[in-house]
């Protein structure tokens, strides 16, 4: 807990120091009456009489910003930035991009500090036990590690357990604050739910989308800067960064806590600016930044399906995979010849019953699995499998270096019909949308009323 100069802890520390000073006076005078013996251990260090300090004090942590008097240090920024960089699979991040990320991380830490301060002002507490339990759950669910392993991992990437726990405290504080001060005043009527149910039934067979979002607020004077930051985030995600990690760190929407996941929605539920763009996306595609009222959005299409209809990608397949590997030392010409024979043999197969015999003749292996959902396959294979009839095989895929394989379709169970969301789910979704809008206004008000002091550019450059 940061110690302010007006806190009871600081006052009690000052009083303790003053009491110690008064007690030390007679003790010091008494010691001077008799010369003290030379400290042999100190003498053995061979220290010069005149010492010149050549480096900065490594224990000094200067403030990057003060938010209503609470300090955010360069170390805080560095450790939170390390979490973002660890989630980025692209190691070649330019120094300019790192500096932009630092600025965005600092902005997020300021918002996080405001959220924690407001929760405390409203007497909403997040106990150390709450934080520890969430931290342990994150370690298990997201990293498959225990707490000690998680601590070691965070230290290894240049972050710390304290940094992640601070983020957890911010999220829990904000969620509880919204739950008490915003959610009770959000009303969704039965008529609204009925109307949405009717619209769902009327749109049966059309598509609905599962979208991820990263929302960045952009006040008028900062619009150009925010747009540039959003574009950089898009570039980093396209180069291998984790959308979920960037959403958790940078998004200012309430969905940030769940990695930006909006859940299943129809385009009619989106603002026109977003609906027009989302309509053209395919699963796995990213688009943005898109200007919306108050800021910019980055959209990621996780999946899509038909409203109240069976999704072909929910079909369960029975497959046989036939694989041909190349022994070490096989040259390129021999590999190409074996691939040509492999393709010819697959084309001449008479269904799945002939797979083992044909594979044995080629020196290939067969693996069978009858519980494969189409949507669990890579996107390119999904489209191929949906077009196959039972007994047919995909084109060969792989490489001359790693071997080739095909998937043989042996059976397909039709996907179940979808009943769509129930009334409780629809009501919860409408409530979440309205809470999200109120939360954005709430945070804007906190920023407007806050006293925020930044270090000068020179000091900031020294911190970096």
Protein backbone atom coordinates (compact mmCIF):
# COMPACT_ATOMS: atom_id res chain seq x y z
CA UNK A 1 0.00 0.00 0.00
CA UNK A 2 1.52 3.38 -0.99
CA UNK A 3 2.16 5.61 2.06
CA UNK A 4 1.04 9.22 1.73
CA UNK A 5 2.38 12.00 3.94
CA UNK A 6 -1.05 12.45 5.49
CA UNK A 7 -1.72 8.81 6.30
CA UNK A 8 -1.84 7.55 9.91
CA UNK A 9 1.01 5.19 9.05
CA UNK A 10 3.26 8.08 8.04
CA UNK A 11 2.35 10.05 11.15
CA UNK A 12 3.08 7.14 13.44
CA UNK A 13 6.41 6.56 11.68
CA UNK A 14 7.36 10.19 12.15
CA UNK A 15 6.48 10.03 15.83
CA UNK A 16 8.54 6.90 16.26
CA UNK A 17 11.55 8.53 14.59
CA UNK A 18 11.25 11.61 16.81
CA UNK A 19 11.09 9.47 19.96
CA UNK A 20 14.16 7.52 18.87
CA UNK A 21 16.03 10.77 18.21
CA UNK A 22 15.38 12.05 21.72
CA UNK A 23 16.52 8.80 23.26
CA UNK A 24 19.69 8.78 21.18
CA UNK A 25 21.12 12.06 22.43
CA UNK A 26 22.42 10.93 25.86
CA UNK A 27 23.52 7.61 24.47
CA UNK A 28 25.58 9.32 21.78
CA UNK A 29 27.18 11.70 24.34
CA UNK A 30 28.07 8.83 26.63
CA UNK A 31 29.74 6.93 23.78
CA UNK A 32 31.96 9.91 22.97
CA UNK A 33 33.49 9.88 26.48
CA UNK A 34 35.38 6.69 25.72
CA UNK A 35 36.97 6.25 22.27
CA UNK A 36 35.39 3.36 20.44
CA UNK A 37 37.63 0.57 19.22
CA UNK A 38 38.37 0.41 15.52
CA UNK A 39 35.89 -1.85 13.67
CA UNK A 40 38.23 -4.42 12.13
CA UNK A 41 35.53 -5.61 9.70
CA UNK A 42 34.97 -2.09 8.32
CA UNK A 43 38.71 -1.45 8.10
CA UNK A 44 39.16 -4.61 6.05
CA UNK A 45 37.02 -3.12 3.28
CA UNK A 46 39.81 -0.61 2.52
CA UNK A 47 37.34 2.19 1.68
CA UNK A 48 38.64 5.62 0.54
CA UNK A 49 38.04 8.64 2.76
CA UNK A 50 36.51 10.68 -0.07
CA UNK A 51 33.79 8.69 -1.89
CA UNK A 52 32.38 9.89 -5.21
CA UNK A 53 29.03 8.38 -6.21
CA UNK A 54 29.26 7.47 -9.91
CA UNK A 55 25.85 5.89 -10.60
CA UNK A 56 22.20 6.53 -9.87
CA UNK A 57 20.69 4.99 -6.79
CA UNK A 58 19.17 1.70 -8.01
CA UNK A 59 16.66 1.75 -5.16
CA UNK A 60 15.17 5.10 -6.22
CA UNK A 61 11.82 4.78 -7.98
CA UNK A 62 10.69 8.06 -9.46
CA UNK A 63 7.05 8.71 -10.28
CA UNK A 64 5.82 8.48 -13.86
CA UNK A 65 2.46 9.92 -12.82
CA UNK A 66 0.52 10.83 -9.70
CA UNK A 67 -3.21 10.14 -9.68
CA UNK A 68 -4.94 12.09 -6.92
CA UNK A 69 -1.64 11.86 -5.04
CA UNK A 70 -1.09 8.14 -5.62
CA UNK A 71 2.15 7.32 -7.41
CA UNK A 72 2.55 5.19 -10.53
CA UNK A 73 6.25 4.46 -11.05
CA UNK A 74 8.26 3.53 -14.09
CA UNK A 75 8.64 0.07 -12.57
CA UNK A 76 4.85 -0.29 -12.47
CA UNK A 77 4.71 0.52 -16.17
CA UNK A 78 7.61 -1.79 -17.04
CA UNK A 79 6.12 -4.77 -15.23
CA UNK A 80 2.68 -4.31 -16.76
CA UNK A 81 4.23 -3.83 -20.20
CA UNK A 82 6.07 -7.12 -19.72
CA UNK A 83 2.70 -8.90 -19.44
CA UNK A 84 1.67 -7.46 -22.80
CA UNK A 85 4.97 -8.35 -24.44
CA UNK A 86 4.81 -11.91 -23.10
CA UNK A 87 1.43 -12.36 -24.79
CA UNK A 88 2.86 -11.07 -28.07
CA UNK A 89 4.26 -13.88 -30.18
CA UNK A 90 6.14 -11.42 -32.37
CA UNK A 91 9.53 -10.75 -30.71
CA UNK A 92 10.56 -8.08 -33.24
CA UNK A 93 8.84 -5.07 -31.70
CA UNK A 94 10.45 -1.76 -32.58
CA UNK A 95 11.58 0.67 -29.87
CA UNK A 96 9.00 3.17 -31.19
CA UNK A 97 6.22 0.62 -30.78
CA UNK A 98 7.39 -0.27 -27.28
CA UNK A 99 7.26 3.42 -26.35
CA UNK A 100 3.69 3.68 -27.68
CA UNK A 101 2.74 0.59 -25.70
CA UNK A 102 4.29 2.17 -22.59
CA UNK A 103 2.09 5.22 -23.04
CA UNK A 104 -1.01 3.07 -23.43
CA UNK A 105 -0.07 0.96 -20.42
CA UNK A 106 0.39 4.13 -18.35
CA UNK A 107 -3.05 5.32 -19.44
CA UNK A 108 -4.53 1.97 -18.38
CA UNK A 109 -2.79 2.13 -15.01
CA UNK A 110 -4.23 5.59 -14.45
CA UNK A 111 -7.75 4.32 -15.18
CA UNK A 112 -7.13 1.31 -12.96
CA UNK A 113 -5.98 3.57 -10.13
CA UNK A 114 -9.07 5.74 -10.51
CA UNK A 115 -11.30 2.66 -10.38
CA UNK A 116 -9.65 1.36 -7.20
CA UNK A 117 -9.77 4.80 -5.58
CA UNK A 118 -13.45 5.23 -6.41
CA UNK A 119 -14.30 1.79 -5.03
CA UNK A 120 -12.53 2.62 -1.77
CA UNK A 121 -14.26 6.00 -1.59
CA UNK A 122 -17.55 4.15 -1.91
CA UNK A 123 -16.45 1.76 0.87
CA UNK A 124 -16.26 -1.19 -1.51
CA UNK A 125 -13.37 -3.40 -0.46
CA UNK A 126 -11.43 -6.14 -2.22
CA UNK A 127 -9.69 -8.27 0.38
CA UNK A 128 -6.23 -9.83 -0.06
CA UNK A 129 -7.95 -13.24 0.08
CA UNK A 130 -10.18 -12.28 -2.87
CA UNK A 131 -7.14 -11.25 -4.88
CA UNK A 132 -5.17 -14.37 -3.92
CA UNK A 133 -8.02 -16.68 -4.91
CA UNK A 134 -8.42 -15.01 -8.29
CA UNK A 135 -4.65 -15.06 -8.83
CA UNK A 136 -4.55 -18.81 -8.10
CA UNK A 137 -7.47 -19.40 -10.48
CA UNK A 138 -5.74 -17.42 -13.26
CA UNK A 139 -2.56 -19.43 -12.71
CA UNK A 140 -4.46 -22.71 -13.06
CA UNK A 141 -6.92 -21.86 -15.82
CA UNK A 142 -4.78 -19.67 -18.06
CA UNK A 143 -1.33 -21.10 -17.51
CA UNK A 144 -1.87 -24.59 -16.09
CA UNK A 145 0.47 -23.74 -13.23
CA UNK A 146 0.37 -23.50 -9.47
CA UNK A 147 0.97 -20.20 -7.72
CA UNK A 148 4.71 -20.75 -7.16
CA UNK A 149 5.27 -21.62 -10.81
CA UNK A 150 3.23 -18.57 -11.81
CA UNK A 151 5.34 -16.33 -9.57
CA UNK A 152 8.52 -17.67 -11.16
CA UNK A 153 7.11 -17.23 -14.68
CA UNK A 154 6.14 -13.60 -14.07
CA UNK A 155 9.59 -12.84 -12.67
CA UNK A 156 11.22 -14.51 -15.68
CA UNK A 157 9.42 -12.22 -18.17
CA UNK A 158 10.27 -9.06 -16.25
CA UNK A 159 6.92 -8.66 -14.52
CA UNK A 160 5.89 -9.58 -10.98
CA UNK A 161 3.05 -11.20 -9.04
CA UNK A 162 2.30 -7.78 -7.55
CA UNK A 163 1.67 -6.31 -11.00
CA UNK A 164 -0.84 -8.98 -11.97
CA UNK A 165 -2.50 -8.84 -8.55
CA UNK A 166 -2.84 -5.08 -8.93
CA UNK A 167 -4.67 -5.64 -12.21
CA UNK A 168 -6.90 -8.21 -10.53
CA UNK A 169 -7.67 -5.73 -7.75
CA UNK A 170 -8.63 -3.12 -10.34
CA UNK A 171 -10.96 -5.49 -12.19
CA UNK A 172 -12.63 -6.78 -9.03
CA UNK A 173 -13.02 -3.25 -7.64
CA UNK A 174 -14.63 -1.98 -10.84
CA UNK A 175 -16.94 -4.99 -11.18
CA UNK A 176 -18.17 -4.60 -7.60
CA UNK A 177 -18.56 -0.87 -7.99
CA UNK A 178 -20.69 -1.31 -11.12
CA UNK A 179 -22.66 -4.09 -9.47
CA UNK A 180 -23.65 -1.79 -6.60
CA UNK A 181 -23.85 1.67 -8.19
CA UNK A 182 -24.91 0.95 -11.78
CA UNK A 183 -26.58 -2.42 -12.25
CA UNK A 184 -29.45 -1.85 -9.77
CA UNK A 185 -30.52 1.16 -11.83
CA UNK A 186 -30.54 -0.68 -15.17
CA UNK A 187 -34.03 -1.78 -16.20
CA UNK A 188 -34.93 -4.11 -19.05
CA UNK A 189 -38.65 -4.60 -19.47
CA UNK A 190 -40.46 -7.80 -20.40
CA UNK A 191 -41.76 -6.00 -23.49
CA UNK A 192 -38.20 -5.35 -24.68
CA UNK A 193 -37.30 -9.02 -24.24
CA UNK A 194 -40.47 -10.12 -26.05
CA UNK A 195 -39.70 -7.78 -28.92
CA UNK A 196 -36.18 -9.18 -29.26
CA UNK A 197 -37.50 -12.76 -29.17
CA UNK A 198 -39.91 -11.92 -31.98
CA UNK A 199 -37.13 -10.37 -34.02
CA UNK A 200 -35.02 -13.49 -33.47
CA UNK A 201 -37.78 -15.73 -34.71
CA UNK A 202 -38.38 -13.46 -37.69
CA UNK A 203 -34.67 -13.61 -38.58
CA UNK A 204 -34.42 -17.41 -38.27
CA UNK A 205 -31.84 -18.73 -40.70
CA UNK A 206 -29.84 -15.51 -40.84
CA UNK A 207 -26.39 -15.33 -39.32
CA UNK A 208 -25.29 -14.29 -35.84
CA UNK A 209 -21.75 -13.49 -34.85
CA UNK A 210 -19.48 -14.11 -31.90
CA UNK A 211 -17.26 -11.05 -31.80
CA UNK A 212 -14.33 -9.84 -29.75
CA UNK A 213 -13.88 -6.09 -29.26
CA UNK A 214 -11.22 -3.67 -28.11
CA UNK A 215 -12.69 -0.25 -27.44
CA UNK A 216 -10.51 2.83 -26.98
CA UNK A 217 -12.14 6.06 -25.85
CA UNK A 218 -11.02 9.10 -27.86
CA UNK A 219 -11.81 12.58 -26.53
CA UNK A 220 -11.81 15.12 -29.34
CA UNK A 221 -8.38 16.55 -28.61
CA UNK A 222 -6.75 13.08 -28.51
CA UNK A 223 -8.55 11.44 -31.43
CA UNK A 224 -5.51 11.29 -33.74
CA UNK A 225 -3.27 9.81 -31.02
CA UNK A 226 -5.85 7.19 -30.03
CA UNK A 227 -6.40 6.22 -33.67
CA UNK A 228 -2.66 5.70 -34.08
CA UNK A 229 -2.48 3.60 -30.91
CA UNK A 230 -5.41 1.49 -32.12
CA UNK A 231 -3.70 0.93 -35.47
CA UNK A 232 -0.53 -0.21 -33.71
CA UNK A 233 -2.52 -2.69 -31.62
CA UNK A 234 -4.09 -4.10 -34.80
CA UNK A 235 -0.64 -4.51 -36.36
CA UNK A 236 0.73 -6.28 -33.29
CA UNK A 237 -2.20 -8.72 -33.16
CA UNK A 238 -1.84 -9.48 -36.87
CA UNK A 239 1.83 -10.25 -36.28
CA UNK A 240 0.97 -12.88 -33.67
CA UNK A 241 -0.13 -10.97 -30.57
CA UNK A 242 -2.93 -12.34 -28.43
CA UNK A 243 -6.24 -10.55 -29.03
CA UNK A 244 -7.47 -11.63 -25.59
CA UNK A 245 -4.35 -10.25 -23.87
CA UNK A 246 -4.55 -6.91 -25.69
CA UNK A 247 -8.28 -6.65 -24.92
CA UNK A 248 -7.65 -7.27 -21.21
CA UNK A 249 -4.88 -4.68 -21.05
CA UNK A 250 -6.13 -1.93 -23.37
CA UNK A 251 -9.89 -2.14 -23.94
CA UNK A 252 -11.98 0.40 -22.06
CA UNK A 253 -15.20 -1.60 -22.49
CA UNK A 254 -16.57 -3.73 -19.66
CA UNK A 255 -15.83 -6.81 -21.80
CA UNK A 256 -12.10 -6.27 -21.15
CA UNK A 257 -12.37 -8.57 -18.11
CA UNK A 258 -13.39 -11.48 -20.41
CA UNK A 259 -10.82 -10.77 -23.12
CA UNK A 260 -13.19 -8.61 -25.18
CA UNK A 261 -15.71 -11.40 -25.86
CA UNK A 262 -19.12 -9.93 -26.77
CA UNK A 263 -20.77 -13.34 -26.99
CA UNK A 264 -23.26 -14.28 -29.71
CA UNK A 265 -25.01 -11.26 -31.22
CA UNK A 266 -26.87 -10.34 -34.39
CA UNK A 267 -25.79 -7.48 -36.60
CA UNK A 268 -28.97 -5.59 -35.77
CA UNK A 269 -27.72 -5.33 -32.18
CA UNK A 270 -24.55 -3.53 -33.25
CA UNK A 271 -24.09 0.14 -34.11
CA UNK A 272 -24.34 0.67 -37.86
CA UNK A 273 -20.60 1.44 -38.17
CA UNK A 274 -19.70 -1.96 -36.68
CA UNK A 275 -22.48 -3.98 -38.31
CA UNK A 276 -21.42 -2.96 -41.82
CA UNK A 277 -17.85 -4.10 -41.15
CA UNK A 278 -18.66 -7.30 -39.23
CA UNK A 279 -20.92 -8.52 -42.06
CA UNK A 280 -17.87 -8.95 -44.32
CA UNK A 281 -15.69 -10.82 -41.81
CA UNK A 282 -14.84 -14.51 -41.80
CA UNK A 283 -13.95 -16.38 -38.58
CA UNK A 284 -10.42 -15.50 -37.50
CA UNK A 285 -10.35 -12.13 -39.24
CA UNK A 286 -9.54 -8.83 -37.54
CA UNK A 287 -10.55 -5.33 -38.59
CA UNK A 288 -10.02 -1.83 -37.23
CA UNK A 289 -9.72 0.75 -35.99
CA UNK A 290 -13.36 1.66 -36.71
CA UNK A 291 -14.49 5.10 -35.60
CA UNK A 292 -17.59 5.00 -33.40
CA UNK A 293 -19.19 7.69 -31.23
CA UNK A 294 -16.70 8.50 -28.47
CA UNK A 295 -13.76 6.46 -29.71
CA UNK A 296 -12.51 3.57 -31.84
CA UNK A 297 -13.31 -0.14 -31.99
CA UNK A 298 -11.23 -3.11 -33.09
CA UNK A 299 -13.31 -6.18 -34.00
CA UNK A 300 -12.27 -9.82 -34.17
CA UNK A 301 -14.71 -12.43 -35.51
CA UNK A 302 -14.39 -15.50 -33.30
CA UNK A 303 -17.17 -17.49 -34.97
CA UNK A 304 -20.54 -17.19 -36.71
CA UNK A 305 -23.65 -19.35 -37.07
CA UNK A 306 -27.24 -19.23 -38.23
CA UNK A 307 -29.92 -17.77 -35.97
CA UNK A 308 -32.17 -20.53 -34.57
CA UNK A 309 -30.79 -22.92 -37.15
CA UNK A 310 -28.48 -25.89 -37.30
CA UNK A 311 -24.87 -24.92 -37.97
CA UNK A 312 -23.22 -27.36 -40.41
CA UNK A 313 -19.95 -26.93 -38.51
CA UNK A 314 -21.55 -28.55 -35.47
CA UNK A 315 -21.79 -31.83 -37.37
CA UNK A 316 -19.84 -34.73 -35.83
CA UNK A 317 -17.53 -36.52 -38.25
CA UNK A 318 -16.08 -40.00 -38.38
CA UNK A 319 -12.65 -39.71 -40.00
CA UNK A 320 -9.63 -41.71 -40.95
CA UNK A 321 -6.33 -39.91 -41.31
CA UNK A 322 -3.82 -41.50 -43.66
CA UNK A 323 -0.27 -40.23 -43.18
CA UNK A 324 2.87 -40.80 -45.21
CA UNK A 325 6.19 -39.88 -43.62
CA UNK A 326 9.57 -39.85 -45.31
CA UNK A 327 12.51 -41.77 -43.84
CA UNK A 328 15.65 -39.77 -43.03
CA UNK A 329 17.93 -39.49 -46.02
CA UNK A 330 15.14 -39.55 -48.64
CA UNK A 331 16.03 -37.03 -51.34
CA UNK A 332 13.63 -34.56 -52.91
CA UNK A 333 13.08 -36.58 -56.08
CA UNK A 334 12.18 -39.70 -54.10
CA UNK A 335 9.82 -37.75 -51.90
CA UNK A 336 8.04 -36.18 -54.86
CA UNK A 337 7.65 -39.63 -56.46
CA UNK A 338 6.16 -41.09 -53.25
CA UNK A 339 3.71 -38.16 -52.94
CA UNK A 340 2.54 -38.72 -56.52
CA UNK A 341 1.94 -42.44 -55.84
CA UNK A 342 0.22 -41.56 -52.55
CA UNK A 343 -2.23 -39.21 -54.31
CA UNK A 344 -2.98 -41.83 -56.97
CA UNK A 345 -3.63 -44.52 -54.35
CA UNK A 346 -5.96 -42.26 -52.34
CA UNK A 347 -7.91 -41.39 -55.48
CA UNK A 348 -8.44 -45.07 -56.23
CA UNK A 349 -9.66 -46.02 -52.71
CA UNK A 350 -13.13 -47.54 -52.47
CA UNK A 351 -14.26 -45.84 -49.30
CA UNK A 352 -13.08 -46.13 -45.71
CA UNK A 353 -13.10 -49.95 -45.75
CA UNK A 354 -10.23 -49.92 -48.21
CA UNK A 355 -8.06 -47.44 -46.26
CA UNK A 356 -5.94 -49.91 -44.25
CA UNK A 357 -5.12 -52.09 -47.26
CA UNK A 358 -4.17 -49.15 -49.47
CA UNK A 359 -2.13 -47.53 -46.71
CA UNK A 360 -0.20 -50.74 -46.03
CA UNK A 361 0.79 -50.98 -49.68
CA UNK A 362 2.16 -47.43 -49.51
CA UNK A 363 3.92 -47.78 -46.17
CA UNK A 364 1.48 -45.21 -44.72
CA UNK A 365 -0.31 -45.22 -41.35
CA UNK A 366 -4.02 -44.90 -40.55
CA UNK A 367 -5.56 -43.28 -37.46
CA UNK A 368 -9.35 -43.39 -36.96
CA UNK A 369 -11.51 -41.02 -34.90
CA UNK A 370 -15.31 -40.85 -34.94
CA UNK A 371 -15.90 -37.86 -32.62
CA UNK A 372 -14.52 -34.88 -34.56
CA UNK A 373 -16.65 -31.74 -34.70
CA UNK A 374 -16.21 -29.83 -37.95
CA UNK A 375 -15.61 -26.49 -36.21
CA UNK A 376 -12.66 -27.99 -34.28
CA UNK A 377 -10.71 -28.38 -37.54
CA UNK A 378 -8.57 -25.62 -39.08
CA UNK A 379 -10.60 -23.19 -41.20
CA UNK A 380 -9.23 -24.45 -44.52
CA UNK A 381 -10.14 -28.05 -43.65
CA UNK A 382 -13.61 -27.06 -42.41
CA UNK A 383 -14.62 -25.83 -45.85
CA UNK A 384 -13.22 -28.95 -47.48
CA UNK A 385 -14.99 -31.36 -45.13
CA UNK A 386 -18.37 -29.70 -45.56
CA UNK A 387 -18.17 -30.31 -49.31
CA UNK A 388 -17.21 -34.02 -49.06
CA UNK A 389 -19.50 -37.02 -49.41
CA UNK A 390 -18.99 -40.09 -47.23
CA UNK A 391 -16.13 -42.18 -48.63
CA UNK A 392 -14.32 -39.21 -50.19
CA UNK A 393 -10.97 -37.79 -49.10
CA UNK A 394 -9.51 -34.31 -48.87
CA UNK A 395 -6.66 -33.30 -51.14
CA UNK A 396 -3.26 -34.18 -49.70
CA UNK A 397 -1.80 -31.55 -47.36
CA UNK A 398 1.54 -31.20 -45.61
CA UNK A 399 5.00 -30.74 -47.09
CA UNK A 400 7.83 -32.67 -48.71
CA UNK A 401 9.85 -32.11 -45.53
CA UNK A 402 7.31 -33.16 -42.90
CA UNK A 403 5.26 -35.70 -44.82
CA UNK A 404 1.77 -35.64 -46.30
CA UNK A 405 -1.66 -36.79 -45.16
CA UNK A 406 -5.32 -36.87 -46.14
CA UNK A 407 -8.57 -37.06 -44.19
CA UNK A 408 -11.09 -39.67 -45.34
CA UNK A 409 -14.74 -38.99 -44.44
CA UNK A 410 -16.35 -42.17 -43.09
CA UNK A 411 -19.53 -40.73 -41.59
CA UNK A 412 -21.32 -37.54 -40.60
CA UNK A 413 -23.91 -36.97 -37.84
CA UNK A 414 -26.18 -34.03 -38.64
CA UNK A 415 -25.84 -31.00 -36.33
CA UNK A 416 -28.61 -30.48 -33.76
CA UNK A 417 -31.18 -27.72 -34.20
CA UNK A 418 -30.52 -24.60 -32.16
CA UNK A 419 -33.21 -23.14 -29.93
CA UNK A 420 -31.34 -19.87 -29.52
CA UNK A 421 -30.90 -17.91 -26.29
CA UNK A 422 -33.64 -18.14 -23.68
CA UNK A 423 -35.38 -15.10 -22.23
CA UNK A 424 -33.07 -14.91 -19.21
CA UNK A 425 -30.00 -14.87 -21.47
CA UNK A 426 -31.52 -12.17 -23.67
CA UNK A 427 -32.36 -10.01 -20.65
CA UNK A 428 -28.83 -10.46 -19.26
CA UNK A 429 -27.32 -9.44 -22.60
CA UNK A 430 -29.43 -6.27 -22.79
CA UNK A 431 -28.50 -5.41 -19.21
CA UNK A 432 -24.80 -5.94 -19.92
CA UNK A 433 -24.96 -3.59 -22.92
CA UNK A 434 -26.52 -0.83 -20.82
CA UNK A 435 -24.13 -1.37 -17.91
CA UNK A 436 -21.24 -1.10 -20.38
CA UNK A 437 -22.45 2.28 -21.64
CA UNK A 438 -22.95 3.59 -18.10
CA UNK A 439 -19.52 2.29 -17.08
CA UNK A 440 -17.86 4.22 -19.90
CA UNK A 441 -19.56 7.43 -18.77
CA UNK A 442 -18.65 6.71 -15.15
CA UNK A 443 -14.96 6.34 -16.01
CA UNK A 444 -15.01 9.50 -18.14
CA UNK A 445 -16.38 11.39 -15.13
CA UNK A 446 -13.61 10.00 -12.90
CA UNK A 447 -10.96 11.12 -15.40
CA UNK A 448 -12.51 14.57 -15.67
CA UNK A 449 -12.48 15.14 -11.91
CA UNK A 450 -9.07 13.57 -11.21
CA UNK A 451 -5.88 15.46 -10.38
CA UNK A 452 -3.22 13.78 -12.53
CA UNK A 453 0.41 14.95 -12.60
CA UNK A 454 2.88 13.61 -15.16
CA UNK A 455 6.66 13.73 -15.12
CA UNK A 456 8.30 15.93 -17.72
CA UNK A 457 9.37 14.31 -21.03
CA UNK A 458 12.99 14.49 -19.85
CA UNK A 459 12.20 12.61 -16.67
CA UNK A 460 10.14 10.07 -18.59
CA UNK A 461 13.02 9.41 -20.97
CA UNK A 462 15.28 8.82 -17.98
CA UNK A 463 12.84 6.26 -16.66
CA UNK A 464 12.75 4.28 -19.92
